[in-house]
Amino acid sequence: MIDQELLDILACPETKEEVRLASDAEIASLNEKIKSGNLVNRGGEKVTEPIDGGLVRADGKYLYPIREEIPIMLIDEAIPLSTEAGSS
Protein backbone atom coordinates (compact mmCIF):
# COMPACT_ATOMS: atom_id res chain seq x y z
CA MET A 1 0.00 0.00 0.00
CA ILE A 2 1.25 3.52 0.77
CA ASP A 3 4.81 3.93 1.99
CA GLN A 4 5.02 5.42 5.51
CA GLU A 5 7.48 8.09 4.34
CA LEU A 6 5.01 9.21 1.68
CA LEU A 7 2.16 9.17 4.19
CA ASP A 8 4.23 11.38 6.52
CA ILE A 9 4.57 14.13 3.89
CA LEU A 10 1.07 13.98 2.40
CA ALA A 11 -1.43 16.55 3.62
CA CYS A 12 -4.88 17.76 2.69
CA PRO A 13 -4.47 20.21 -0.22
CA GLU A 14 -7.24 22.39 1.22
CA THR A 15 -6.42 22.66 4.93
CA LYS A 16 -2.88 21.20 5.05
CA GLU A 17 -4.04 18.84 7.80
CA GLU A 18 -2.36 15.47 8.18
CA VAL A 19 -4.01 12.43 6.64
CA ARG A 20 -4.20 8.83 7.85
CA LEU A 21 -4.89 5.59 6.04
CA ALA A 22 -8.55 4.64 6.06
CA SER A 23 -9.47 1.39 7.78
CA ASP A 24 -10.65 -1.64 5.83
CA ALA A 25 -14.11 -1.10 7.34
CA GLU A 26 -14.22 2.52 6.11
CA ILE A 27 -13.21 1.44 2.59
CA ALA A 28 -15.74 -1.42 2.57
CA SER A 29 -18.51 0.96 3.65
CA LEU A 30 -17.63 3.48 0.93
CA ASN A 31 -17.39 0.77 -1.72
CA GLU A 32 -20.91 -0.40 -0.75
CA LYS A 33 -22.18 3.16 -1.30
CA ILE A 34 -20.32 3.33 -4.63
CA LYS A 35 -21.86 0.01 -5.70
CA SER A 36 -25.37 1.24 -4.85
CA GLY A 37 -24.78 4.53 -6.68
CA ASN A 38 -25.12 6.68 -3.55
CA LEU A 39 -21.71 8.33 -3.34
CA VAL A 40 -20.91 11.80 -4.68
CA ASN A 41 -17.52 13.53 -4.39
CA ARG A 42 -16.93 17.18 -3.49
CA GLY A 43 -17.02 18.14 -7.14
CA GLY A 44 -20.63 16.91 -7.27
CA GLU A 45 -19.83 13.92 -9.47
CA LYS A 46 -21.07 10.42 -8.72
CA VAL A 47 -18.24 8.08 -7.73
CA THR A 48 -18.58 4.98 -9.93
CA GLU A 49 -15.25 3.15 -9.52
CA PRO A 50 -14.51 1.22 -6.32
CA ILE A 51 -11.58 2.55 -4.33
CA ASP A 52 -8.57 0.48 -3.23
CA GLY A 53 -7.97 2.58 -0.16
CA GLY A 54 -8.14 6.11 1.09
CA LEU A 55 -6.52 8.85 3.11
CA VAL A 56 -8.75 10.42 5.75
CA ARG A 57 -8.19 14.05 6.69
CA ALA A 58 -7.31 14.59 10.37
CA ASP A 59 -10.71 16.17 11.10
CA GLY A 60 -12.45 13.11 9.63
CA LYS A 61 -14.56 15.11 7.18
CA TYR A 62 -13.09 13.90 3.88
CA LEU A 63 -11.36 10.92 2.35
CA TYR A 64 -8.98 11.18 -0.59
CA PRO A 65 -9.31 7.98 -2.64
CA ILE A 66 -6.41 5.69 -3.49
CA ARG A 67 -6.62 3.98 -6.86
CA GLU A 68 -3.93 1.57 -8.09
CA GLU A 69 -1.75 2.65 -5.14
CA ILE A 70 -1.89 6.31 -6.19
CA PRO A 71 -3.47 8.80 -3.76
CA ILE A 72 -5.80 11.20 -5.58
CA MET A 73 -5.09 14.40 -3.63
CA LEU A 74 -7.50 16.71 -5.46
CA ILE A 75 -10.10 18.69 -3.50
CA ASP A 76 -12.92 17.93 -5.96
CA GLU A 77 -12.13 14.20 -5.85
CA ALA A 78 -12.39 14.06 -2.04
CA ILE A 79 -15.27 11.99 -0.71
CA PRO A 80 -17.31 13.54 2.12
CA LEU A 81 -17.48 11.25 5.14
CA SER A 82 -20.16 13.13 7.04
CA THR A 83 -23.63 11.62 6.75
CA GLU A 84 -25.61 14.81 7.40
CA ALA A 85 -26.32 15.43 3.69
CA GLY A 86 -26.87 11.86 2.55
CA SER A 87 -29.02 8.87 3.34
CA SER A 88 -27.65 6.17 5.57
C-alpha atoms as a PDB file:
ATOM      1  CA  MET A   1       0.000   0.000   0.000  1.00  0.00           C
ATOM      2  CA  ILE A   2       1.249   3.520   0.769  1.00  0.00           C
ATOM      3  CA  ASP A   3       4.813   3.926   1.995  1.00  0.00           C
ATOM      4  CA  GLN A   4       5.020   5.423   5.507  1.00  0.00           C
ATOM      5  CA  GLU A   5       7.478   8.092   4.338  1.00  0.00           C
ATOM      6  CA  LEU A   6       5.008   9.215   1.675  1.00  0.00           C
ATOM      7  CA  LEU A   7       2.161   9.167   4.191  1.00  0.00           C
ATOM      8  CA  ASP A   8       4.226  11.376   6.517  1.00  0.00           C
ATOM      9  CA  ILE A   9       4.572  14.125   3.887  1.00  0.00           C
ATOM     10  CA  LEU A  10       1.071  13.976   2.399  1.00  0.00           C
ATOM     11  CA  ALA A  11      -1.430  16.548   3.621  1.00  0.00           C
ATOM     12  CA  CYS A  12      -4.878  17.763   2.687  1.00  0.00           C
ATOM     13  CA  PRO A  13      -4.473  20.206  -0.223  1.00  0.00           C
ATOM     14  CA  GLU A  14      -7.239  22.386   1.218  1.00  0.00           C
ATOM     15  CA  THR A  15      -6.420  22.661   4.935  1.00  0.00           C
ATOM     16  CA  LYS A  16      -2.875  21.204   5.049  1.00  0.00           C
ATOM     17  CA  GLU A  17      -4.041  18.840   7.799  1.00  0.00           C
ATOM     18  CA  GLU A  18      -2.363  15.471   8.181  1.00  0.00           C
ATOM     19  CA  VAL A  19      -4.011  12.431   6.638  1.00  0.00           C
ATOM     20  CA  ARG A  20      -4.196   8.831   7.847  1.00  0.00           C
ATOM     21  CA  LEU A  21      -4.885   5.592   6.042  1.00  0.00           C
ATOM     22  CA  ALA A  22      -8.546   4.639   6.063  1.00  0.00           C
ATOM     23  CA  SER A  23      -9.466   1.391   7.783  1.00  0.00           C
ATOM     24  CA  ASP A  24     -10.645  -1.640   5.830  1.00  0.00           C
ATOM     25  CA  ALA A  25     -14.108  -1.098   7.338  1.00  0.00           C
ATOM     26  CA  GLU A  26     -14.223   2.517   6.111  1.00  0.00           C
ATOM     27  CA  ILE A  27     -13.212   1.444   2.593  1.00  0.00           C
ATOM     28  CA  ALA A  28     -15.744  -1.415   2.566  1.00  0.00           C
ATOM     29  CA  SER A  29     -18.510   0.964   3.649  1.00  0.00           C
ATOM     30  CA  LEU A  30     -17.635   3.484   0.932  1.00  0.00           C
ATOM     31  CA  ASN A  31     -17.394   0.771  -1.724  1.00  0.00           C
ATOM     32  CA  GLU A  32     -20.907  -0.400  -0.754  1.00  0.00           C
ATOM     33  CA  LYS A  33     -22.184   3.156  -1.304  1.00  0.00           C
ATOM     34  CA  ILE A  34     -20.324   3.328  -4.634  1.00  0.00           C
ATOM     35  CA  LYS A  35     -21.860   0.011  -5.703  1.00  0.00           C
ATOM     36  CA  SER A  36     -25.368   1.238  -4.855  1.00  0.00           C
ATOM     37  CA  GLY A  37     -24.783   4.533  -6.678  1.00  0.00           C
ATOM     38  CA  ASN A  38     -25.125   6.679  -3.553  1.00  0.00           C
ATOM     39  CA  LEU A  39     -21.713   8.333  -3.344  1.00  0.00           C
ATOM     40  CA  VAL A  40     -20.906  11.803  -4.677  1.00  0.00           C
ATOM     41  CA  ASN A  41     -17.523  13.531  -4.391  1.00  0.00           C
ATOM     42  CA  ARG A  42     -16.928  17.175  -3.489  1.00  0.00           C
ATOM     43  CA  GLY A  43     -17.021  18.142  -7.143  1.00  0.00           C
ATOM     44  CA  GLY A  44     -20.626  16.908  -7.267  1.00  0.00           C
ATOM     45  CA  GLU A  45     -19.825  13.920  -9.473  1.00  0.00           C
ATOM     46  CA  LYS A  46     -21.072  10.421  -8.724  1.00  0.00           C
ATOM     47  CA  VAL A  47     -18.238   8.080  -7.735  1.00  0.00           C
ATOM     48  CA  THR A  48     -18.577   4.984  -9.927  1.00  0.00           C
ATOM     49  CA  GLU A  49     -15.251   3.154  -9.518  1.00  0.00           C
ATOM     50  CA  PRO A  50     -14.510   1.221  -6.317  1.00  0.00           C
ATOM     51  CA  ILE A  51     -11.578   2.546  -4.326  1.00  0.00           C
ATOM     52  CA  ASP A  52      -8.571   0.481  -3.228  1.00  0.00           C
ATOM     53  CA  GLY A  53      -7.966   2.583  -0.156  1.00  0.00           C
ATOM     54  CA  GLY A  54      -8.140   6.108   1.092  1.00  0.00           C
ATOM     55  CA  LEU A  55      -6.518   8.847   3.113  1.00  0.00           C
ATOM     56  CA  VAL A  56      -8.750  10.416   5.749  1.00  0.00           C
ATOM     57  CA  ARG A  57      -8.185  14.053   6.692  1.00  0.00           C
ATOM     58  CA  ALA A  58      -7.310  14.587  10.367  1.00  0.00           C
ATOM     59  CA  ASP A  59     -10.710  16.166  11.099  1.00  0.00           C
ATOM     60  CA  GLY A  60     -12.445  13.107   9.633  1.00  0.00           C
ATOM     61  CA  LYS A  61     -14.563  15.109   7.180  1.00  0.00           C
ATOM     62  CA  TYR A  62     -13.092  13.904   3.877  1.00  0.00           C
ATOM     63  CA  LEU A  63     -11.358  10.920   2.354  1.00  0.00           C
ATOM     64  CA  TYR A  64      -8.978  11.182  -0.592  1.00  0.00           C
ATOM     65  CA  PRO A  65      -9.314   7.979  -2.641  1.00  0.00           C
ATOM     66  CA  ILE A  66      -6.409   5.694  -3.491  1.00  0.00           C
ATOM     67  CA  ARG A  67      -6.619   3.975  -6.864  1.00  0.00           C
ATOM     68  CA  GLU A  68      -3.929   1.573  -8.094  1.00  0.00           C
ATOM     69  CA  GLU A  69      -1.752   2.646  -5.144  1.00  0.00           C
ATOM     70  CA  ILE A  70      -1.892   6.311  -6.191  1.00  0.00           C
ATOM     71  CA  PRO A  71      -3.466   8.805  -3.758  1.00  0.00           C
ATOM     72  CA  ILE A  72      -5.795  11.204  -5.577  1.00  0.00           C
ATOM     73  CA  MET A  73      -5.090  14.399  -3.626  1.00  0.00           C
ATOM     74  CA  LEU A  74      -7.504  16.712  -5.457  1.00  0.00           C
ATOM     75  CA  ILE A  75     -10.097  18.694  -3.495  1.00  0.00           C
ATOM     76  CA  ASP A  76     -12.922  17.927  -5.958  1.00  0.00           C
ATOM     77  CA  GLU A  77     -12.126  14.203  -5.847  1.00  0.00           C
ATOM     78  CA  ALA A  78     -12.391  14.059  -2.043  1.00  0.00           C
ATOM     79  CA  ILE A  79     -15.271  11.987  -0.708  1.00  0.00           C
ATOM     80  CA  PRO A  80     -17.310  13.541   2.125  1.00  0.00           C
ATOM     81  CA  LEU A  81     -17.476  11.245   5.144  1.00  0.00           C
ATOM     82  CA  SER A  82     -20.161  13.134   7.044  1.00  0.00           C
ATOM     83  CA  THR A  83     -23.628  11.620   6.750  1.00  0.00           C
ATOM     84  CA  GLU A  84     -25.610  14.810   7.403  1.00  0.00           C
ATOM     85  CA  ALA A  85     -26.316  15.426   3.691  1.00  0.00           C
ATOM     86  CA  GLY A  86     -26.867  11.856   2.547  1.00  0.00           C
ATOM     87  CA  SER A  87     -29.019   8.866   3.342  1.00  0.00           C
ATOM     88  CA  SER A  88     -27.648   6.166   5.571  1.00  0.00           C
END
